[in-house]
Protein backbone atom coordinates (compact mmCIF):
# COMPACT_ATOMS: atom_id res chain seq x y z
CA MET A 1 0.00 0.00 0.00
CA ASN A 2 1.22 3.51 -0.78
CA SER A 3 2.11 5.84 2.08
CA SER A 4 -0.78 7.72 3.67
CA LYS A 5 -0.83 11.46 4.20
CA LEU A 6 -3.22 14.01 5.68
CA HIS A 7 -3.06 17.41 3.94
CA SER A 8 -4.09 20.10 6.45
CA ASP A 9 -2.99 23.32 4.74
CA ASN A 10 -6.62 24.44 4.81
CA PRO A 11 -8.23 23.51 8.16
CA GLU A 12 -11.67 23.84 6.57
CA LEU A 13 -10.85 21.37 3.78
CA LEU A 14 -8.75 18.42 4.91
CA ILE A 15 -7.56 15.91 2.31
CA TYR A 16 -6.44 12.36 3.10
CA ILE A 17 -4.85 10.11 0.46
CA SER A 18 -4.16 6.46 1.18
CA GLY A 19 -4.10 3.31 -0.97
CA LYS A 20 -6.67 3.55 -3.72
CA LEU A 21 -8.76 6.21 -1.98
CA HIS A 22 -8.89 10.02 -2.05
CA ILE A 23 -10.89 11.32 0.94
CA THR A 24 -11.95 14.96 1.32
CA ILE A 25 -13.25 16.28 4.67
CA PRO A 26 -15.13 19.55 3.96
CA GLY A 27 -15.56 21.70 7.08
CA GLY A 28 -12.64 20.03 8.85
CA ILE A 29 -13.16 18.63 12.35
CA ARG A 30 -14.21 20.14 15.65
CA LEU A 31 -11.41 20.55 18.14
CA THR A 32 -13.71 20.37 21.16
CA GLY A 33 -15.58 17.32 22.35
CA LEU A 34 -12.81 14.72 22.35
CA GLU A 35 -15.34 11.92 22.96
CA ARG A 36 -16.58 12.14 19.36
CA LEU A 37 -15.13 12.59 15.88
CA LYS A 38 -17.90 13.89 13.67
CA VAL A 39 -16.92 14.45 10.05
CA THR A 40 -18.37 14.84 6.58
CA LEU A 41 -16.56 12.56 4.14
CA LYS A 42 -16.32 12.63 0.37
CA ILE A 43 -14.69 9.36 -0.69
CA SER A 44 -13.52 8.78 -4.26
CA LEU A 45 -10.92 6.69 -6.07
CA LYS A 46 -7.43 8.18 -6.16
CA ALA A 47 -7.19 7.43 -9.86
CA GLN A 48 -10.40 9.38 -10.50
CA PRO A 49 -10.77 12.02 -7.69
CA SER A 50 -13.33 13.92 -9.76
CA GLY A 51 -15.27 10.82 -10.76
CA ILE A 52 -17.77 8.77 -8.79
CA ALA A 53 -17.82 9.77 -5.10
CA PHE A 54 -19.55 8.62 -1.95
CA ARG A 55 -20.62 11.31 0.55
CA HIS A 56 -21.58 10.68 4.15
CA HIS A 57 -21.77 12.47 7.51
CA LEU A 58 -21.01 10.39 10.59
CA ASP A 59 -19.22 10.04 13.89
CA LEU A 60 -16.14 7.90 13.28
CA TYR A 61 -16.23 6.82 16.93
CA ASN A 62 -19.67 5.26 16.35
CA SER A 63 -18.97 1.70 15.18
CA ILE A 64 -22.46 1.13 13.74
CA GLN A 65 -22.31 4.30 11.61
CA THR A 66 -18.76 3.48 10.51
CA GLU A 67 -19.65 -0.12 9.45
CA GLN A 68 -22.66 1.08 7.46
CA MET A 69 -20.53 3.74 5.75
CA ILE A 70 -17.85 1.17 4.81
CA GLU A 71 -20.41 -1.20 3.27
CA LYS A 72 -22.21 1.50 1.27
CA SER A 73 -19.03 3.17 0.02
CA ALA A 74 -17.56 -0.20 -1.03
CA GLU A 75 -20.68 -0.86 -3.04
CA VAL A 76 -20.64 2.58 -4.73
CA LEU A 77 -16.90 2.58 -5.51
CA ASP A 78 -16.75 -1.14 -6.33
CA ILE A 79 -13.81 -2.01 -4.05
CA SER A 80 -13.51 -4.41 -1.15
CA THR A 81 -14.75 -3.46 2.32
CA SER A 82 -11.41 -4.57 3.84
CA GLU A 83 -9.53 -1.92 1.83
CA ILE A 84 -11.93 0.84 2.89
CA SER A 85 -11.91 -0.38 6.52
CA THR A 86 -8.10 -0.22 6.63
CA VAL A 87 -8.04 3.30 5.18
CA ILE A 88 -10.77 4.52 7.59
CA ASN A 89 -8.79 3.20 10.57
CA LEU A 90 -5.69 5.02 9.33
CA LEU A 91 -7.80 8.15 8.77
CA CYS A 92 -9.06 8.03 12.38
CA GLY A 93 -5.51 7.91 13.68
CA ALA A 94 -4.39 10.76 11.41
CA LEU A 95 -7.33 12.94 12.48
CA GLU A 96 -6.68 12.24 16.18
CA ASN A 97 -3.05 13.26 15.80
CA TYR A 98 -4.06 16.37 13.84
CA ARG A 99 -6.55 17.40 16.53
CA SER A 100 -4.01 16.88 19.31
CA GLU A 101 -1.45 19.01 17.46
CA ARG A 102 -3.98 21.80 16.90
CA LEU A 103 -5.05 21.81 20.55
CA GLU A 104 -1.43 21.88 21.69
CA ALA A 105 -0.69 24.79 19.35
CA MET A 106 -3.66 26.72 20.75
CA LYS A 107 -2.43 26.50 24.34
CA PRO A 108 -0.97 29.79 25.62
CA LYS A 109 2.77 29.61 25.62
CA THR A 110 4.13 29.75 29.14
CA ILE A 111 7.09 32.08 29.26
CA GLU A 112 9.81 30.51 31.31
CA LYS A 113 11.52 32.67 33.88
CA LYS A 114 14.90 33.76 32.67
CA GLN A 115 17.85 32.39 34.61
CA LEU A 116 20.33 35.18 35.20
CA SER A 117 24.02 34.63 34.69
CA ASP A 118 26.41 35.47 37.54
CA GLN A 119 27.42 38.65 35.76
CA GLU A 120 23.81 39.77 35.23
CA ARG A 121 22.92 39.03 38.85
CA LYS A 122 25.93 40.95 40.18
CA ALA A 123 25.06 43.95 37.99
CA ALA A 124 21.43 43.92 39.20
CA VAL A 125 22.45 43.63 42.86
CA ALA A 126 24.96 46.47 42.45
CA PHE A 127 22.22 48.62 40.91
CA LEU A 128 19.90 48.00 43.89
CA LYS A 129 22.62 48.52 46.50
CA SER A 130 24.04 51.78 45.18
CA PRO A 131 22.93 55.09 46.78
CA GLY A 132 20.29 57.26 45.14
CA LEU A 133 18.27 54.29 43.90
CA LEU A 134 15.12 56.23 42.95
CA GLN A 135 17.09 58.95 41.16
CA ARG A 136 19.13 56.40 39.20
CA THR A 137 15.99 54.42 38.37
CA GLY A 138 14.34 57.58 37.06
CA ALA A 139 17.39 58.31 34.90
CA ALA A 140 17.36 54.72 33.59
CA ILE A 141 13.66 54.95 32.72
CA ALA A 142 14.31 58.14 30.76
CA ALA A 143 17.31 56.57 29.01
CA SER A 144 15.18 53.55 28.00
CA GLY A 145 13.23 55.71 25.56
CA LEU A 146 10.49 57.22 27.71
CA ILE A 147 10.48 60.95 27.04
CA GLY A 148 9.26 63.36 29.73
CA GLU A 149 6.60 62.24 32.26
CA GLU A 150 9.35 61.83 34.88
CA THR A 151 7.03 61.65 37.90
CA ASN A 152 4.32 59.61 36.18
CA SER A 153 6.82 57.08 34.84
CA MET A 154 8.38 56.58 38.29
CA ILE A 155 4.95 56.10 39.89
CA ALA A 156 4.04 53.56 37.19
CA TYR A 157 7.35 51.72 37.62
CA LEU A 158 6.92 51.40 41.40
CA THR A 159 3.25 50.43 41.00
CA TYR A 160 4.21 47.64 38.60
CA THR A 161 6.94 46.58 41.05
CA SER A 162 4.26 46.09 43.71
CA ARG A 163 2.89 43.09 41.76
CA LYS A 164 5.34 40.92 43.73
CA ARG A 165 3.86 41.96 47.06
CA HIS A 166 0.89 40.46 48.89
CA THR A 167 -1.14 43.66 48.41
CA PRO A 168 -0.25 45.20 45.04
CA LEU A 169 -1.13 48.68 43.88
CA HIS A 170 -3.16 49.43 40.75
CA LEU A 171 -2.84 52.15 38.14
CA MET A 172 -5.17 54.08 35.85
CA CYS A 173 -3.75 56.39 33.17
CA LEU A 174 -6.10 59.26 32.32
CA GLY A 175 -6.08 61.90 29.64
CA ALA A 176 -7.57 63.01 26.36
CA SER A 177 -7.03 61.02 23.21
CA GLY A 178 -3.51 61.36 21.85
CA THR A 179 -1.88 62.52 25.11
CA GLY A 180 0.25 59.40 25.56
CA LYS A 181 -1.67 57.19 28.02
CA THR A 182 -1.08 53.91 26.22
CA TRP A 183 2.44 54.97 25.26
CA LEU A 184 3.40 55.56 28.91
CA GLN A 185 1.91 52.24 30.00
CA GLU A 186 3.62 50.40 27.16
CA LYS A 187 7.06 51.95 27.71
CA VAL A 188 7.09 51.33 31.48
CA SER A 189 5.74 47.78 31.08
CA GLU A 190 8.68 47.06 28.76
CA LEU A 191 10.85 47.34 31.89
CA MET A 192 9.01 44.40 33.51
CA PRO A 193 9.98 40.74 32.85
CA GLU A 194 7.91 39.07 30.12
CA GLU A 195 6.97 36.18 32.39
CA ASP A 196 5.35 38.54 34.91
CA LYS A 197 2.92 40.42 32.66
CA LEU A 198 -0.18 39.76 30.58
CA GLU A 199 -1.29 42.24 27.92
CA ILE A 200 -5.01 42.38 27.19
CA THR A 201 -6.89 44.20 24.43
CA THR A 202 -10.45 42.91 24.92
CA LEU A 203 -12.05 40.39 27.27
CA SER A 204 -15.36 38.56 27.26
CA SER A 205 -17.54 38.79 30.36
CA ASN A 206 -16.45 35.43 31.82
CA ALA A 207 -12.84 35.38 30.62
CA PHE A 208 -11.24 35.95 34.02
CA TYR A 209 -12.97 32.92 35.56
CA TYR A 210 -11.35 30.49 33.11
CA PHE A 211 -7.73 31.29 33.87
CA GLY A 212 -5.87 28.64 35.83
CA ARG A 213 -6.24 28.84 39.61
CA GLU A 214 -2.82 30.46 40.09
CA GLU A 215 -2.18 31.60 36.51
CA LEU A 216 -2.65 35.28 37.40
CA LYS A 217 -0.87 35.22 40.74
CA HIS A 218 1.55 38.17 41.09
CA LYS A 219 1.02 39.08 37.44
CA LEU A 220 0.83 42.54 35.90
CA LEU A 221 -2.39 42.86 33.85
CA LEU A 222 -2.10 45.54 31.18
CA ILE A 223 -5.39 46.67 29.66
CA GLU A 224 -4.82 48.90 26.67
CA ASP A 225 -8.22 50.59 26.88
CA LEU A 226 -10.75 50.02 29.66
CA ASP A 227 -13.51 50.39 27.05
CA GLY A 228 -12.38 47.00 25.73
CA ALA A 229 -12.73 45.46 29.20
CA GLU A 230 -16.07 47.03 30.12
CA SER A 231 -17.73 43.63 30.47
CA VAL A 232 -15.21 42.44 33.09
CA LEU A 233 -15.05 45.51 35.32
CA TYR A 234 -16.82 43.73 38.19
CA PRO A 235 -14.48 40.69 38.42
CA LEU A 236 -11.60 43.09 37.88
CA ARG A 237 -12.66 45.09 40.94
CA GLU A 238 -13.00 41.91 42.96
CA LEU A 239 -9.51 40.82 41.95
CA GLN A 240 -8.22 44.21 43.04
CA SER A 241 -10.03 44.26 46.39
CA LYS A 242 -10.35 40.63 47.50
CA ARG A 243 -7.39 39.28 45.48
CA LYS A 244 -9.50 36.32 44.31
CA ILE A 245 -12.66 35.64 42.32
CA SER A 246 -14.96 32.64 42.05
CA LYS A 247 -17.94 31.61 39.97
CA THR A 248 -20.28 28.62 40.25
CA VAL A 249 -21.49 27.13 36.97
CA THR A 250 -23.55 24.09 35.99
CA LEU A 251 -22.07 21.33 33.82
CA LYS A 252 -23.31 17.99 32.54
CA ASP A 253 -21.46 14.86 33.58
CA ASN A 254 -20.98 11.78 31.35
CA LYS A 255 -24.47 10.55 32.23
CA GLY A 256 -26.14 13.84 31.34
CA ASN A 257 -26.80 14.87 34.93
CA LEU A 258 -26.32 18.50 35.89
CA LYS A 259 -23.79 19.32 38.61
CA THR A 260 -22.33 22.54 39.99
CA VAL A 261 -18.66 23.38 39.67
CA THR A 262 -16.93 26.35 41.32
CA LEU A 263 -14.23 28.09 39.31
CA ASN A 264 -11.61 29.82 41.47
CA VAL A 265 -8.92 32.23 40.30
CA GLU A 266 -6.46 33.56 42.83
CA GLY A 267 -4.47 36.78 42.91
CA PRO A 268 -3.03 39.06 43.88
CA VAL A 269 -2.63 40.94 40.62
CA CYS A 270 -1.49 44.42 39.66
CA VAL A 271 -3.92 46.00 37.18
CA SER A 272 -3.04 48.87 34.88
CA GLY A 273 -5.43 50.41 32.38
CA CYS A 274 -5.95 53.50 30.22
CA THR A 275 -9.10 55.51 29.60
CA THR A 276 -10.35 58.94 28.61
CA ARG A 277 -13.46 58.59 30.80
CA GLU A 278 -12.61 58.78 34.50
CA ALA A 279 -16.20 59.30 35.67
CA LEU A 280 -17.44 56.19 33.84
CA TYR A 281 -15.00 53.93 35.67
CA GLU A 282 -15.19 55.66 39.07
CA ASP A 283 -15.51 52.43 41.07
CA ASN A 284 -12.34 51.07 39.49
CA ALA A 285 -10.57 54.44 39.70
CA ASN A 286 -11.14 54.56 43.47
CA ARG A 287 -8.92 51.50 43.82
CA CYS A 288 -6.14 52.91 41.66
CA ILE A 289 -3.42 55.49 41.67
CA LEU A 290 -4.52 57.97 39.01
CA LEU A 291 -1.98 59.32 36.55
CA TYR A 292 -2.92 62.40 34.53
CA MET A 293 -0.90 62.80 31.36
CA ASP A 294 1.21 65.87 30.67
CA ASN A 295 -0.35 67.53 27.63
CA SER A 296 1.70 70.72 27.85
CA MET A 297 3.41 72.29 24.86
CA GLU A 298 6.80 71.51 26.43
CA GLN A 299 5.97 67.80 26.49
CA ASP A 300 4.77 67.98 22.88
CA LYS A 301 8.12 69.51 21.88
CA LYS A 302 10.08 66.79 23.72
CA ILE A 303 8.11 64.01 22.03
CA MET A 304 8.38 65.52 18.56
CA ASP A 305 12.11 66.12 18.99
CA TYR A 306 12.59 62.47 19.95
CA GLN A 307 10.50 61.35 16.98
CA ARG A 308 12.66 63.42 14.63
CA ARG A 309 15.91 62.08 16.10
CA LEU A 310 14.57 58.52 15.93
CA SER A 311 13.63 58.97 12.27
CA ALA A 312 17.07 60.45 11.55
CA GLY A 313 18.80 57.45 13.13
CA GLN A 314 20.30 59.56 15.92
CA VAL A 315 18.84 57.47 18.77
CA ASP A 316 20.96 54.60 20.08
CA GLN A 317 18.23 51.95 20.27
CA GLY A 318 20.76 49.32 21.29
CA ALA A 319 21.61 51.31 24.42
CA GLU A 320 17.90 51.73 25.19
CA GLN A 321 17.41 47.96 24.90
CA ARG A 322 20.35 47.26 27.22
CA ILE A 323 18.86 49.54 29.87
CA ARG A 324 15.47 47.82 29.55
CA THR A 325 17.17 44.44 29.98
CA GLN A 326 19.03 45.67 33.05
CA LEU A 327 15.84 46.94 34.72
CA LYS A 328 14.11 43.63 33.93
CA ASN A 329 16.94 41.80 35.68
CA VAL A 330 16.60 44.17 38.64
CA GLN A 331 12.94 43.20 38.87
CA ARG A 332 13.78 39.49 38.72
CA ILE A 333 16.02 39.56 41.80
CA LEU A 334 13.50 41.33 44.05
CA ASN A 335 12.49 38.82 46.73
CA PRO A 336 9.24 38.50 48.70
CA VAL A 337 9.72 40.25 52.03
CA THR A 338 7.39 41.76 54.61
CA VAL A 339 7.48 45.53 54.99
CA LYS A 340 6.55 47.36 58.20
CA ASN A 341 6.17 51.11 58.46
CA PRO A 342 6.75 52.19 62.07
CA HIS A 343 5.96 55.79 61.13
CA ALA A 344 2.54 54.98 59.61
CA VAL A 345 0.67 56.23 62.71
CA TYR A 346 1.85 59.77 61.96
CA LEU A 347 0.65 59.92 58.37
CA GLN A 348 -2.33 62.14 57.61
CA LEU A 349 -4.12 63.39 54.50
CA PRO A 350 -5.38 66.90 53.76
CA GLU A 351 -8.92 67.33 55.00
CA ALA A 352 -10.10 68.20 51.49
CA VAL A 353 -9.29 64.75 50.06
CA PHE A 354 -12.35 62.91 48.77
CA LYS A 355 -12.66 59.25 49.80
CA PRO A 356 -9.80 59.52 52.33
CA ARG A 357 -9.96 55.87 53.40
CA ARG A 358 -8.88 54.48 50.07
CA THR A 359 -6.48 57.35 49.44
CA MET A 360 -4.76 56.68 52.77
CA LEU A 361 -4.46 52.98 51.90
CA LEU A 362 -2.89 53.87 48.55
CA LEU A 363 -0.40 56.18 50.27
CA LEU A 364 0.58 53.53 52.83
CA LEU A 365 0.96 50.82 50.18
CA PHE A 366 2.98 53.11 47.93
CA THR A 367 5.33 53.93 50.82
CA GLU A 368 5.75 50.22 51.54
CA THR A 369 6.49 49.59 47.84
CA ILE A 370 9.28 52.17 47.90
CA THR A 371 10.71 50.36 50.94
CA TYR A 372 10.31 47.03 49.18
CA TYR A 373 12.24 48.35 46.17
CA HIS A 374 15.05 49.35 48.58
CA GLN A 375 15.20 45.87 50.15
CA TYR A 376 18.90 45.45 49.33
CA GLN A 377 19.62 48.62 51.33
CA ARG A 378 17.51 47.80 54.39
CA GLU A 379 18.43 45.81 57.46
CA LEU A 380 16.54 42.51 57.65
CA LYS A 381 14.95 42.34 61.10
CA THR A 382 13.21 39.48 62.90
CA ASP A 383 10.01 39.68 64.96
CA THR A 384 10.88 38.12 68.31
CA ASP A 385 7.30 36.94 68.86
CA THR A 386 6.49 35.38 65.46
CA GLY A 387 9.95 34.84 64.01
CA GLU A 388 8.87 36.70 60.85
CA GLN A 389 11.58 38.57 58.99
CA TYR A 390 10.85 42.08 57.74
CA ILE A 391 12.32 45.41 56.68
CA GLU A 392 11.21 48.85 57.87
CA SER A 393 10.23 52.01 56.05
CA THR A 394 12.34 55.11 56.64
CA ILE A 395 11.52 58.80 56.73
CA GLU A 396 13.13 59.10 53.28
CA ASP A 397 10.67 56.51 51.94
CA ILE A 398 7.72 58.50 53.30
CA GLU A 399 9.10 61.75 51.90
CA ALA A 400 9.60 60.14 48.49
CA ALA A 401 6.04 58.78 48.55
CA PHE A 402 4.56 62.20 49.37
CA THR A 403 6.74 63.88 46.73
CA LEU A 404 5.78 61.46 43.97
CA LEU A 405 2.08 61.35 44.89
CA GLU A 406 1.73 65.08 45.51
CA ALA A 407 -0.14 65.68 42.25
CA THR A 408 -2.30 62.57 42.74
CA ILE A 409 -3.29 63.60 46.27
CA LEU A 410 -4.00 67.11 45.04
CA LYS A 411 -6.24 65.76 42.26
CA LYS A 412 -8.15 63.68 44.82
CA SER A 413 -8.69 66.91 46.81
CA ASP A 414 -10.00 68.83 43.79
CA GLU A 415 -13.73 68.74 43.08
CA LEU A 416 -13.05 69.58 39.43
CA ASN A 417 -11.97 66.82 37.08
CA ASP A 418 -8.59 67.10 35.40
CA ALA A 419 -9.86 68.40 32.04
CA CYS A 420 -12.05 71.07 33.64
CA ARG A 421 -9.28 72.08 36.07
CA GLY A 422 -6.83 72.41 33.18
CA PHE A 423 -9.24 74.66 31.31
CA PHE A 424 -9.91 76.79 34.41
CA GLU A 425 -6.20 77.37 35.06
CA LYS A 426 -5.61 78.35 31.40
CA LEU A 427 -8.63 80.65 31.59
CA LYS A 428 -7.30 82.44 34.70
CA ALA A 429 -3.84 82.80 33.15
CA TRP A 430 -5.37 84.31 29.98
CA LEU A 431 -7.52 86.72 31.99
CA LYS A 432 -4.48 87.87 33.97
CA ASP A 433 -2.60 88.51 30.74
CA GLN A 434 -5.56 90.53 29.46
CA ASP A 435 -5.85 92.33 32.81
CA THR A 436 -9.58 91.63 33.11
CA GLU A 437 -11.92 89.57 35.30
CA SER A 438 -14.81 88.99 32.89
CA PHE A 439 -15.06 87.23 29.54
CA TYR A 440 -17.36 85.85 26.86
CA SER A 441 -17.20 82.22 25.79
CA LYS A 442 -16.64 83.21 22.15
CA GLU A 443 -13.39 85.06 22.85
CA ILE A 444 -12.13 82.33 25.19
CA ARG A 445 -12.88 79.63 22.62
CA SER A 446 -10.90 81.56 20.02
CA ALA A 447 -7.98 82.34 22.35
CA LEU A 448 -7.62 78.85 23.82
CA ARG A 449 -8.66 76.96 20.65
CA ILE A 450 -11.29 74.78 22.33
CA SER A 451 -14.26 73.16 20.61
CA PRO A 452 -17.72 74.69 21.29
CA SER A 453 -19.02 71.52 22.94
CA SER A 454 -16.02 71.29 25.30
CA ILE A 455 -16.15 74.95 26.34
CA SER A 456 -19.89 74.73 26.97
CA ARG A 457 -19.33 71.71 29.20
CA TYR A 458 -16.50 73.37 31.12
CA LEU A 459 -18.40 76.62 31.66
CA TYR A 460 -21.50 74.79 32.83
CA GLU A 461 -19.46 72.78 35.34
CA LEU A 462 -17.56 75.84 36.62
CA GLU A 463 -20.78 77.83 37.02
CA ARG A 464 -22.50 74.93 38.78
CA MET A 465 -19.58 74.64 41.22
CA GLY A 466 -19.49 78.40 41.86
CA TYR A 467 -16.06 79.08 40.34
CA ILE A 468 -17.54 81.54 37.82
CA LYS A 469 -20.84 83.41 37.58
CA ILE A 470 -22.91 85.06 34.86
CA VAL A 471 -22.94 88.84 35.25
CA ARG A 472 -24.99 89.82 32.19
CA GLY A 473 -26.16 88.71 28.75
CA ASN A 474 -28.63 86.18 27.34
CA ARG A 475 -28.59 82.95 25.38
CA TYR A 476 -28.96 84.78 22.07
CA LYS A 477 -26.20 87.41 22.38
CA GLY A 478 -24.06 85.35 24.73
CA PHE A 479 -23.31 85.51 28.43
CA GLU A 480 -20.58 87.48 30.14
CA TYR A 481 -18.87 85.49 32.88
CA LYS A 482 -16.76 86.55 35.85
CA VAL A 483 -14.30 84.42 37.83
CA GLN A 484 -15.26 83.99 41.48
CA SER A 485 -12.31 81.94 42.74
CA TRP A 486 -8.76 82.85 41.71
CA ASN A 487 -6.47 80.95 44.07
CA ASP A 488 -8.38 77.80 45.12
CA LEU A 489 -5.77 75.46 43.66
CA GLU A 490 -2.90 77.35 45.29
CA VAL A 491 -4.67 77.14 48.67
CA LEU A 492 -5.13 73.38 48.29
CA SER A 493 -1.49 72.93 47.29
CA THR A 494 -0.15 75.12 50.10
CA ASP A 495 -2.27 73.37 52.73
CA ALA A 496 -1.15 69.95 51.53
CA LYS A 497 2.54 70.92 51.47
CA THR A 498 2.33 72.47 54.94
CA LEU A 499 0.63 69.41 56.34
CA ILE A 500 3.22 67.08 54.80
CA ALA A 501 6.09 69.22 56.11
CA ASN A 502 4.63 69.13 59.63
CA ILE A 503 4.18 65.34 59.45
CA LEU A 504 7.79 64.80 58.37
CA GLN A 505 9.01 67.19 61.06
CA ASP A 506 7.06 65.27 63.72
CA ILE A 507 8.48 61.94 62.56
CA ARG A 508 12.03 63.31 62.64
CA SER A 509 11.39 64.71 66.11
CA VAL A 510 10.22 61.33 67.40
CA THR A 511 13.17 59.61 65.72
CA ARG A 512 15.60 61.97 67.45
CA ASN A 513 13.77 61.61 70.79
CA PRO A 514 12.50 58.01 70.90
CA GLY A 515 11.39 58.41 74.52
CA VAL A 516 8.81 61.03 73.55
CA SER A 517 5.57 59.42 72.39
CA GLN A 518 3.91 61.70 69.88
CA GLY A 519 0.89 61.41 67.70
CA PRO A 520 0.02 63.21 64.51
CA TYR A 521 0.66 66.96 64.30
CA GLY A 522 3.33 66.91 67.00
CA LEU A 523 0.95 66.08 69.90
CA HIS A 524 1.59 63.71 72.73
CA ASN A 525 -0.57 60.61 72.58
CA ASN A 526 -2.60 61.63 75.63
CA GLN A 527 -3.78 64.86 73.94
CA LYS A 528 -7.03 65.02 71.99
CA ILE A 529 -7.55 66.78 68.70
CA ASN A 530 -10.42 66.83 66.24
CA LYS A 531 -10.13 66.95 62.48
CA LYS A 532 -10.96 70.62 62.17
CA ASP A 533 -8.31 71.63 64.70
CA ALA A 534 -5.85 69.25 63.04
CA VAL A 535 -6.17 71.02 59.72
CA THR A 536 -5.78 74.40 61.42
CA GLN A 537 -2.61 73.27 63.14
CA GLY A 538 -1.40 71.65 59.93
CA LYS A 539 -1.68 75.02 58.26
């Protein structure tokens, strides 16, 4: 007998040639349901593939159907049943192998963790042990090809680093279309090891429940646009908050009886996503550190200058790749370790912060992440009661956390959203240049080059909040507006900075005088203070 071969170039039209027979399988085979092998066969003689043919649909695992097909095809093609039976058996084996290969190819490829050489490990350890770690990391991030966004990129890098901790942080990049949200997320994620991240474009509503039980554990989930993950926002929130999700579904067993099965997926995970619509995803945003993109003209110039140099071949992309590889290796040698912040009892937030409970948690976790990143520079201590080993946060860690999150905390204290606040600050600057307090929307739209719909939305919001008021005019000739609040943002910023300075001063005072037990705002623990008085003293 001649050699048999299954031609699978077109999965929807399989061709099997063996002996005297030429068998075509239109529609291919189903890859699911391994207990059956349903096919549609067109059997003809190899010598005359376009001649007389026998067509039949059957399950090749059903012996009765297979025997009937062999007898009928032998009669139509005028060959012996033994020849057809032999070819059908070979066909079954070939189809089983083909299905197994296809299923194996469809499995997600598990990226193996890279084993560092001695030289790579020594270089990574030296990087983590050298002084000025955050400053050198920021310089490395910039040298890896990320232009501008110095503070945002460092926050994103530390947030992604927290994926290795028991309670990771989460990130949401916000800004108008074309301001670099996805670009920032992409460039910083390139500094994370491939085996520790999962990039997602869209997800079906139940997709998260069908990951392996520990497949997402300590992973970085990168969602390019939250609009593409709108159907999974609820399980995403549960993964962020509870660090695990579960779902009970009904399945049929081999006898056709229904039974319930619980699908469990465990975290923790670090989630990072981009969106232009903060208000729409408020529940998810409350669990995240919010990054607002820099859409200033200076940032535009930096980006365009880099684009020109890249196009001209003046950017050393090899050097950028080496820096990315180095930072990946740095991430790989970070070890799980408990972090304790002995100064946490002194930390306070400005009174104006909305949702202070979650904001305080984000601040504490971010401080711990900075400490965690400095683990090679911290003394490893042991709890005498539990035997647990841990490292402690320092005043420098707290100061770095406040410095990096200053804009984020300020945004969470501002009742205006970022777009409206940006417009309001530009409006005030323009009015100061014009030496006037009142304006018409038409002249502002022309001066600031804003679309009519956007300026109408901003003015409505500012009037509703009491930042501007209508002094005269009507809907036909236009309204004249006047600014009511000129320095609200400066007051918020000054109050926050004063409060932070007082907190750091108190911590340093306690550190210098460990026998003095102080609480927040420089008070002894036996003194009482309410929130209103605390803000007054903080100022």
